[in-house]
PDB file of N, CA and C in Angstrom:
ATOM      1  N   MET A   1      33.326 -47.930 -42.845  1.00  0.00           N
ATOM      2  CA  MET A   1      34.121 -46.782 -42.231  1.00  0.00           C
ATOM      3  C   MET A   1      33.504 -45.995 -41.272  1.00  0.00           C
ATOM      4  N   LEU A   2      32.038 -45.125 -42.067  1.00  0.00           N
ATOM      5  CA  LEU A   2      31.013 -44.528 -41.845  1.00  0.00           C
ATOM      6  C   LEU A   2      30.734 -44.898 -40.548  1.00  0.00           C
ATOM      7  N   SER A   3      30.226 -46.192 -39.951  1.00  0.00           N
ATOM      8  CA  SER A   3      29.920 -46.406 -38.735  1.00  0.00           C
ATOM      9  C   SER A   3      30.911 -46.148 -37.725  1.00  0.00           C
ATOM     10  N   LEU A   4      32.165 -46.312 -37.814  1.00  0.00           N
ATOM     11  CA  LEU A   4      33.250 -45.723 -37.267  1.00  0.00           C
ATOM     12  C   LEU A   4      33.232 -44.705 -36.345  1.00  0.00           C
ATOM     13  N   PHE A   5      32.489 -43.417 -36.990  1.00  0.00           N
ATOM     14  CA  PHE A   5      32.243 -42.221 -36.759  1.00  0.00           C
ATOM     15  C   PHE A   5      30.978 -42.019 -35.917  1.00  0.00           C
ATOM     16  N   ARG A   6      30.144 -43.237 -36.137  1.00  0.00           N
ATOM     17  CA  ARG A   6      29.241 -42.651 -35.961  1.00  0.00           C
ATOM     18  C   ARG A   6      28.969 -42.734 -34.013  1.00  0.00           C
ATOM     19  N   GLN A   7      29.216 -43.773 -33.410  1.00  0.00           N
ATOM     20  CA  GLN A   7      28.976 -43.878 -32.129  1.00  0.00           C
ATOM     21  C   GLN A   7      30.005 -42.990 -31.211  1.00  0.00           C
ATOM     22  N   PRO A   8      30.942 -42.267 -31.616  1.00  0.00           N
ATOM     23  CA  PRO A   8      31.747 -41.487 -31.065  1.00  0.00           C
ATOM     24  C   PRO A   8      31.147 -39.692 -31.261  1.00  0.00           C
ATOM     25  N   LEU A   9      30.328 -39.875 -31.966  1.00  0.00           N
ATOM     26  CA  LEU A   9      30.049 -38.620 -32.915  1.00  0.00           C
ATOM     27  C   LEU A   9      28.497 -38.651 -32.205  1.00  0.00           C
ATOM     28  N   SER A  10      27.971 -39.207 -32.049  1.00  0.00           N
ATOM     29  CA  SER A  10      26.530 -39.384 -31.349  1.00  0.00           C
ATOM     30  C   SER A  10      26.357 -39.195 -29.908  1.00  0.00           C
ATOM     31  N   PHE A  11      27.767 -40.083 -28.800  1.00  0.00           N
ATOM     32  CA  PHE A  11      28.378 -39.522 -27.954  1.00  0.00           C
ATOM     33  C   PHE A  11      28.508 -37.903 -27.803  1.00  0.00           C
ATOM     34  N   VAL A  12      29.560 -37.304 -28.434  1.00  0.00           N
ATOM     35  CA  VAL A  12      29.844 -35.424 -28.072  1.00  0.00           C
ATOM     36  C   VAL A  12      27.873 -35.241 -28.606  1.00  0.00           C
ATOM     37  N   ALA A  13      27.429 -35.110 -29.684  1.00  0.00           N
ATOM     38  CA  ALA A  13      26.472 -34.915 -29.468  1.00  0.00           C
ATOM     39  C   ALA A  13      25.194 -34.519 -28.389  1.00  0.00           C
ATOM     40  N   THR A  14      25.337 -35.973 -27.734  1.00  0.00           N
ATOM     41  CA  THR A  14      24.498 -36.437 -26.511  1.00  0.00           C
ATOM     42  C   THR A  14      25.312 -35.472 -25.172  1.00  0.00           C
ATOM     43  N   LYS A  15      26.606 -35.028 -25.661  1.00  0.00           N
ATOM     44  CA  LYS A  15      27.085 -34.208 -24.515  1.00  0.00           C
ATOM     45  C   LYS A  15      26.988 -33.086 -24.435  1.00  0.00           C
ATOM     46  N   TRP A  16      27.169 -32.437 -25.973  1.00  0.00           N
ATOM     47  CA  TRP A  16      26.385 -31.132 -25.898  1.00  0.00           C
ATOM     48  C   TRP A  16      25.508 -30.633 -25.984  1.00  0.00           C
ATOM     49  N   GLN A  17      24.215 -31.334 -26.555  1.00  0.00           N
ATOM     50  CA  GLN A  17      22.700 -31.318 -25.726  1.00  0.00           C
ATOM     51  C   GLN A  17      22.823 -30.879 -24.165  1.00  0.00           C
ATOM     52  N   THR A  18      23.185 -31.931 -23.634  1.00  0.00           N
ATOM     53  CA  THR A  18      23.314 -32.085 -22.231  1.00  0.00           C
ATOM     54  C   THR A  18      23.851 -30.298 -21.505  1.00  0.00           C
ATOM     55  N   LEU A  19      25.095 -30.253 -22.176  1.00  0.00           N
ATOM     56  CA  LEU A  19      25.045 -29.037 -21.893  1.00  0.00           C
ATOM     57  C   LEU A  19      24.804 -27.550 -21.838  1.00  0.00           C
ATOM     58  N   ILE A  20      24.222 -27.469 -23.278  1.00  0.00           N
ATOM     59  CA  ILE A  20      23.163 -26.358 -23.560  1.00  0.00           C
ATOM     60  C   ILE A  20      22.438 -26.276 -23.078  1.00  0.00           C
ATOM     61  N   ARG A  21      21.350 -27.623 -22.408  1.00  0.00           N
ATOM     62  CA  ARG A  21      20.253 -27.361 -21.339  1.00  0.00           C
ATOM     63  C   ARG A  21      20.793 -26.908 -20.163  1.00  0.00           C
ATOM     64  N   VAL A  22      21.910 -27.486 -19.792  1.00  0.00           N
ATOM     65  CA  VAL A  22      22.214 -26.452 -18.440  1.00  0.00           C
ATOM     66  C   VAL A  22      22.673 -26.127 -18.203  1.00  0.00           C
ATOM     67  N   ALA A  23      23.273 -25.254 -19.183  1.00  0.00           N
ATOM     68  CA  ALA A  23      24.150 -23.855 -19.344  1.00  0.00           C
ATOM     69  C   ALA A  23      22.210 -22.854 -19.851  1.00  0.00           C
ATOM     70  N   GLY A  24      21.491 -23.627 -20.435  1.00  0.00           N
ATOM     71  CA  GLY A  24      20.495 -22.136 -20.406  1.00  0.00           C
ATOM     72  C   GLY A  24      19.484 -22.377 -19.910  1.00  0.00           C
ATOM     73  N   ASP A  25      19.199 -23.210 -18.170  1.00  0.00           N
ATOM     74  CA  ASP A  25      18.945 -23.314 -17.459  1.00  0.00           C
ATOM     75  C   ASP A  25      18.586 -22.122 -16.694  1.00  0.00           C
ATOM     76  N   PRO A  26      17.354 -21.624 -16.727  1.00  0.00           N
ATOM     77  CA  PRO A  26      17.495 -20.139 -15.921  1.00  0.00           C
ATOM     78  C   PRO A  26      17.039 -19.792 -14.465  1.00  0.00           C
ATOM     79  N   TYR A  27      16.631 -21.047 -14.002  1.00  0.00           N
ATOM     80  CA  TYR A  27      16.412 -21.662 -12.475  1.00  0.00           C
ATOM     81  C   TYR A  27      17.708 -20.847 -11.892  1.00  0.00           C
ATOM     82  N   ARG A  28      18.216 -19.760 -10.845  1.00  0.00           N
ATOM     83  CA  ARG A  28      19.024 -19.614 -10.112  1.00  0.00           C
ATOM     84  C   ARG A  28      18.941 -19.635  -8.407  1.00  0.00           C
ATOM     85  N   PRO A  29      19.388 -21.145  -7.686  1.00  0.00           N
ATOM     86  CA  PRO A  29      18.762 -21.196  -6.481  1.00  0.00           C
ATOM     87  C   PRO A  29      19.096 -20.403  -5.563  1.00  0.00           C
ATOM     88  N   GLU A  30      20.317 -19.407  -5.589  1.00  0.00           N
ATOM     89  CA  GLU A  30      20.249 -18.654  -4.879  1.00  0.00           C
ATOM     90  C   GLU A  30      19.477 -17.460  -4.769  1.00  0.00           C
ATOM     91  N   LEU A  31      18.509 -16.963  -5.762  1.00  0.00           N
ATOM     92  CA  LEU A  31      17.545 -16.090  -5.680  1.00  0.00           C
ATOM     93  C   LEU A  31      16.337 -16.778  -4.427  1.00  0.00           C
ATOM     94  N   HIS A  32      16.271 -17.880  -4.480  1.00  0.00           N
ATOM     95  CA  HIS A  32      15.308 -18.553  -3.623  1.00  0.00           C
ATOM     96  C   HIS A  32      15.706 -18.906  -1.938  1.00  0.00           C
ATOM     97  N   TYR A  33      16.662 -18.542  -1.263  1.00  0.00           N
ATOM     98  CA  TYR A  33      17.407 -18.845  -0.415  1.00  0.00           C
ATOM     99  C   TYR A  33      16.338 -18.151   0.325  1.00  0.00           C
ATOM    100  N   MET A  34      15.943 -18.102   1.575  1.00  0.00           N
ATOM    101  CA  MET A  34      15.896 -17.592   2.568  1.00  0.00           C
ATOM    102  C   MET A  34      16.553 -16.557   3.049  1.00  0.00           C
ATOM    103  N   ARG A  35      16.211 -14.937   3.295  1.00  0.00           N
ATOM    104  CA  ARG A  35      17.607 -14.495   3.837  1.00  0.00           C
ATOM    105  C   ARG A  35      17.294 -13.866   5.255  1.00  0.00           C
ATOM    106  N   GLY A  36      17.098 -14.116   5.799  1.00  0.00           N
ATOM    107  CA  GLY A  36      16.905 -13.671   7.398  1.00  0.00           C
ATOM    108  C   GLY A  36      15.661 -13.615   8.204  1.00  0.00           C
ATOM    109  N   PRO A  37      15.748 -13.708   9.621  1.00  0.00           N
ATOM    110  CA  PRO A  37      14.756 -14.661  10.365  1.00  0.00           C
ATOM    111  C   PRO A  37      13.919 -14.500   9.485  1.00  0.00           C
ATOM    112  N   GLY A  38      12.366 -15.033   9.472  1.00  0.00           N
ATOM    113  CA  GLY A  38      11.172 -14.566   9.180  1.00  0.00           C
ATOM    114  C   GLY A  38       9.984 -14.133  10.221  1.00  0.00           C
ATOM    115  N   PRO A  39       9.060 -14.044  10.125  1.00  0.00           N
ATOM    116  CA  PRO A  39       8.017 -13.631  10.825  1.00  0.00           C
ATOM    117  C   PRO A  39       7.448 -14.256  11.937  1.00  0.00           C
ATOM    118  N   LYS A  40       7.641 -15.722  12.126  1.00  0.00           N
ATOM    119  CA  LYS A  40       8.007 -16.640  13.386  1.00  0.00           C
ATOM    120  C   LYS A  40       8.550 -16.244  14.026  1.00  0.00           C
ATOM    121  N   TRP A  41       9.665 -16.555  13.523  1.00  0.00           N
ATOM    122  CA  TRP A  41      11.034 -16.273  14.249  1.00  0.00           C
ATOM    123  C   TRP A  41      11.576 -14.692  15.126  1.00  0.00           C
ATOM    124  N   ARG A  42      10.541 -13.658  14.686  1.00  0.00           N
ATOM    125  CA  ARG A  42      10.461 -12.090  15.040  1.00  0.00           C
ATOM    126  C   ARG A  42       9.786 -12.657  16.673  1.00  0.00           C
ATOM    127  N   ALA A  43       8.597 -13.239  16.145  1.00  0.00           N
ATOM    128  CA  ALA A  43       7.249 -13.430  17.237  1.00  0.00           C
ATOM    129  C   ALA A  43       7.413 -14.544  18.128  1.00  0.00           C
ATOM    130  N   LYS A  44       8.463 -14.938  18.261  1.00  0.00           N
ATOM    131  CA  LYS A  44       9.056 -16.100  18.931  1.00  0.00           C
ATOM    132  C   LYS A  44      10.037 -15.431  19.951  1.00  0.00           C
ATOM    133  N   TYR A  45      10.868 -14.548  18.900  1.00  0.00           N
ATOM    134  CA  TYR A  45      12.431 -13.763  20.254  1.00  0.00           C
ATOM    135  C   TYR A  45      11.755 -12.297  20.221  1.00  0.00           C
ATOM    136  N   GLN A  46      10.753 -12.009  19.929  1.00  0.00           N
ATOM    137  CA  GLN A  46      10.401 -10.275  20.171  1.00  0.00           C
ATOM    138  C   GLN A  46      10.095  -9.939  21.969  1.00  0.00           C
ATOM    139  N   ALA A  47       9.675 -11.003  22.095  1.00  0.00           N
ATOM    140  CA  ALA A  47       9.627 -10.719  23.820  1.00  0.00           C
ATOM    141  C   ALA A  47      10.583 -10.661  24.616  1.00  0.00           C
ATOM    142  N   SER A  48      11.661 -11.702  24.037  1.00  0.00           N
ATOM    143  CA  SER A  48      12.678 -11.869  25.016  1.00  0.00           C
ATOM    144  C   SER A  48      14.213 -10.876  24.829  1.00  0.00           C
ATOM    145  N   ARG A  49      13.510  -9.888  23.601  1.00  0.00           N
ATOM    146  CA  ARG A  49      14.268  -9.366  23.117  1.00  0.00           C
ATOM    147  C   ARG A  49      14.216  -7.233  23.835  1.00  0.00           C
ATOM    148  N   LEU A  50      12.940  -7.802  24.724  1.00  0.00           N
ATOM    149  CA  LEU A  50      12.423  -6.551  25.128  1.00  0.00           C
ATOM    150  C   LEU A  50      12.677  -7.182  26.369  1.00  0.00           C
ATOM    151  N   ASN A  51      12.522  -7.695  27.248  1.00  0.00           N
ATOM    152  CA  ASN A  51      12.525  -8.008  28.686  1.00  0.00           C
ATOM    153  C   ASN A  51      14.038  -7.643  28.496  1.00  0.00           C
ATOM    154  N   ARG A  52      15.171  -8.000  27.500  1.00  0.00           N
ATOM    155  CA  ARG A  52      16.787  -7.791  27.858  1.00  0.00           C
ATOM    156  C   ARG A  52      16.758  -6.068  28.250  1.00  0.00           C
ATOM    157  N   SER A  53      16.313  -5.254  27.153  1.00  0.00           N
ATOM    158  CA  SER A  53      16.549  -3.787  26.991  1.00  0.00           C
ATOM    159  C   SER A  53      15.557  -3.324  28.044  1.00  0.00           C
ATOM    160  N   LEU A  54      15.261  -3.502  29.201  1.00  0.00           N
ATOM    161  CA  LEU A  54      14.391  -2.931  30.762  1.00  0.00           C
ATOM    162  C   LEU A  54      15.410  -3.749  31.584  1.00  0.00           C
TER     163      LEU A  54
END
């Protein structure tokens, strides 16, 4: 009878551990995304913006 419950219990325990590991992961990708043009973009388009203002 005990072996009848062992496999489903093992499955639930594995899923629970996975959930805890994923929920406790401190990595937040939205903090690492680029938030606008960088220095290379500014260097490339700075000249065209200056020419337009004249």
